Protein backbone atom coordinates (compact mmCIF):
# COMPACT_ATOMS: atom_id res chain seq x y z
CA MET A 1 0.09 0.07 -0.21
CA ASN A 2 1.30 3.28 -1.19
CA ILE A 3 -0.47 6.17 1.16
CA VAL A 4 0.18 9.47 -0.27
CA ILE A 5 -0.33 12.34 2.02
CA ARG A 6 -1.06 16.32 0.92
CA GLU A 7 -2.69 19.23 1.71
CA MET A 8 -6.52 19.03 0.95
CA THR A 9 -7.85 21.39 -1.38
CA LYS A 10 -11.47 22.36 -1.72
CA ASN A 11 -12.35 19.88 -4.45
CA ASP A 12 -11.58 17.24 -1.64
CA THR A 13 -14.77 18.63 0.45
CA GLU A 14 -17.60 15.95 -0.73
CA ARG A 15 -15.24 12.49 -0.62
CA VAL A 16 -14.12 14.20 2.98
CA LYS A 17 -17.35 14.03 3.97
CA GLN A 18 -18.50 10.66 2.63
CA ILE A 19 -15.33 9.24 4.62
CA ALA A 20 -16.73 11.56 7.58
CA LYS A 21 -20.40 10.13 7.28
CA VAL A 22 -19.73 6.09 6.86
CA THR A 23 -16.66 6.30 9.51
CA TRP A 24 -18.96 8.25 12.57
CA LYS A 25 -21.54 5.65 11.79
CA ASP A 26 -18.92 2.85 12.08
CA ALA A 27 -17.34 4.47 15.52
CA PHE A 28 -20.16 6.15 17.24
CA SER A 29 -22.92 3.80 16.88
CA HIS A 30 -23.07 2.63 20.27
CA ILE A 31 -22.42 6.27 21.46
CA MET A 32 -24.77 8.61 19.74
CA PRO A 33 -28.20 7.95 17.55
CA ILE A 34 -27.86 8.20 14.08
CA GLU A 35 -30.35 11.38 13.80
CA VAL A 36 -27.58 13.26 16.36
CA GLN A 37 -24.74 11.97 13.98
CA GLU A 38 -26.19 13.43 10.68
CA LYS A 39 -27.40 16.76 12.56
CA THR A 40 -23.96 17.10 13.78
CA LEU A 41 -21.95 16.05 10.05
CA ARG A 42 -24.24 18.54 8.20
CA GLU A 43 -23.79 21.42 10.95
CA ALA A 44 -19.81 20.56 10.98
CA TYR A 45 -18.97 19.88 6.99
CA ASP A 46 -21.56 22.68 5.41
CA GLU A 47 -20.06 25.32 3.16
CA GLN A 48 -19.75 27.87 5.74
CA THR A 49 -17.86 25.51 8.34
CA MET A 50 -15.64 24.04 5.70
CA GLU A 51 -14.52 27.80 4.26
CA LYS A 52 -13.21 28.33 8.13
CA ARG A 53 -11.35 25.93 7.86
CA PHE A 54 -9.63 26.06 4.87
CA THR A 55 -8.05 29.50 6.40
CA SER A 56 -7.78 28.79 10.37
CA SER A 57 -6.55 24.88 10.09
CA SER A 58 -4.17 23.14 8.56
CA LEU A 59 -5.97 19.82 6.67
CA PHE A 60 -4.67 17.19 5.08
CA VAL A 61 -5.89 14.39 3.19
CA ALA A 62 -4.40 10.49 2.69
CA GLU A 63 -4.50 8.69 -0.86
CA GLU A 64 -4.06 5.70 -1.79
CA LYS A 65 -4.01 5.39 -5.32
CA GLY A 66 -5.39 8.94 -6.04
CA GLU A 67 -8.32 7.75 -3.50
CA ILE A 68 -8.89 9.87 -0.51
CA VAL A 69 -9.17 7.43 2.33
CA GLY A 70 -8.19 9.49 5.44
CA TYR A 71 -8.19 13.24 6.29
CA ALA A 72 -6.92 14.96 9.68
CA PHE A 73 -7.88 18.85 10.50
CA PHE A 74 -5.13 20.30 12.71
CA SER A 75 -5.76 24.17 14.48
CA GLN A 76 -3.05 26.55 13.68
CA LYS A 77 -0.03 26.96 16.81
CA ASN A 78 -0.79 29.38 19.51
CA LYS A 79 1.75 31.50 21.22
CA GLU A 80 2.18 28.67 23.53
CA GLY A 81 3.32 26.18 20.77
CA LYS A 82 -0.21 24.29 20.70
CA VAL A 83 -1.84 22.60 18.44
CA LEU A 84 -5.00 20.66 18.72
CA LEU A 85 -5.54 17.72 16.64
CA GLU A 86 -9.12 18.95 15.22
CA SER A 87 -10.66 15.86 13.43
CA ILE A 88 -8.94 12.87 12.51
CA TYR A 89 -11.07 9.76 10.11
CA ILE A 90 -9.90 6.68 8.05
CA HIS A 91 -12.42 5.08 5.79
CA PRO A 92 -13.15 1.86 8.03
CA ASP A 93 -11.68 -0.30 4.93
CA TYR A 94 -8.34 1.33 5.48
CA GLN A 95 -7.80 1.48 9.26
CA GLN A 96 -5.30 0.16 11.18
CA LYS A 97 -2.50 0.13 8.61
CA GLY A 98 -0.76 3.03 9.54
CA ILE A 99 -2.61 5.97 7.72
CA GLY A 100 -4.02 7.64 11.09
CA THR A 101 0.11 7.95 12.14
CA LYS A 102 1.11 9.28 8.61
CA LEU A 103 -1.77 11.92 8.97
CA ILE A 104 -0.94 12.63 12.57
CA HIS A 105 3.15 13.03 11.73
CA THR A 106 2.49 15.02 9.20
CA GLY A 107 0.55 17.82 10.86
CA ILE A 108 3.67 16.98 13.91
CA GLU A 109 6.28 17.52 10.85
CA THR A 110 4.46 20.90 8.88
CA LEU A 111 3.04 22.58 12.23
CA GLN A 112 6.40 21.88 14.83
CA PRO A 113 3.69 22.00 18.00
CA LYS A 114 5.56 21.67 21.55
CA ARG A 115 2.24 20.17 22.59
CA LEU A 116 -0.29 18.09 20.74
CA CYS A 117 -3.60 17.96 22.26
CA LEU A 118 -7.46 16.05 21.09
CA ASN A 119 -10.74 15.55 22.17
CA VAL A 120 -11.80 12.28 22.01
CA LEU A 121 -15.56 10.42 22.80
CA GLU A 122 -15.19 9.13 26.10
CA GLY A 123 -16.97 5.85 25.44
CA ASN A 124 -14.53 5.60 22.23
CA LYS A 125 -12.19 3.01 24.14
CA LYS A 126 -10.69 1.42 20.91
CA VAL A 127 -9.52 4.90 19.95
CA ILE A 128 -8.16 5.86 23.56
CA ALA A 129 -5.96 2.91 23.24
CA TYR A 130 -4.55 3.92 19.87
CA TYR A 131 -3.71 7.55 21.60
CA LYS A 132 -2.21 5.78 24.56
CA ALA A 133 -0.12 3.77 22.00
CA GLN A 134 1.24 6.97 20.52
CA GLY A 135 2.12 8.31 23.64
CA PHE A 136 -1.38 10.46 24.53
CA GLN A 137 -1.73 11.24 28.24
CA GLU A 138 -5.44 11.80 29.71
CA GLU A 139 -5.79 15.41 30.43
CA GLY A 140 -9.42 15.44 31.58
CA VAL A 141 -12.20 15.18 30.98
CA PHE A 142 -15.40 17.97 29.74
CA HIS A 143 -18.83 17.76 28.71
CA HIS A 144 -20.50 18.63 25.14
CA HIS A 145 -23.91 18.30 23.10
CA PHE A 146 -24.09 16.88 19.79
CA ALA A 147 -27.60 18.02 18.60
CA HIS A 148 -28.64 18.22 22.38
CA HIS A 149 -27.36 14.82 22.57
CA PRO A 150 -25.06 14.75 25.87
CA VAL A 151 -21.32 13.62 25.58
CA ILE A 152 -18.03 13.40 27.39
CA PHE A 153 -15.12 14.15 25.87
CA MET A 154 -11.57 12.79 26.94
CA LYS A 155 -8.86 15.64 26.86
CA MET A 156 -5.82 13.82 25.90
CA PHE A 157 -2.14 15.51 24.98
CA LYS A 158 1.23 14.60 24.02
CA LYS A 159 4.51 16.77 24.57
CA LEU A 160 6.43 17.15 21.78
């Protein structure tokens, strides 16, 4: 498998939305109802929100044979050197092949943060275990709502 990581373009948006939808359904069906997922995804990937992301975040896609199979969005580095991994999703058919790790490494190499932070849904045990294996540590939890559905996020970080 030859994975190429590159900056996301606006032309990639529809494929990224497709990956988000299938990945959320696969990852979060036990955490939140499908209607909550769909409403949250519509809002998170609408034209206005994506336009803001292109101007305020670093966006990367992973391609295999020219097809986008995953993506990652990173905030810009703040004055303390902190970067937030805003989103990272890999199509279920391509998970556990090192693609997420490549995307994270690309963000680190590009942005050179002192600290990489992320938020993960507390019930997402497989992903939490992955982040811990990558050297991330727990930093606390916070409560949030997706379309009026309560969720708990775990805050994690990695010093670089």
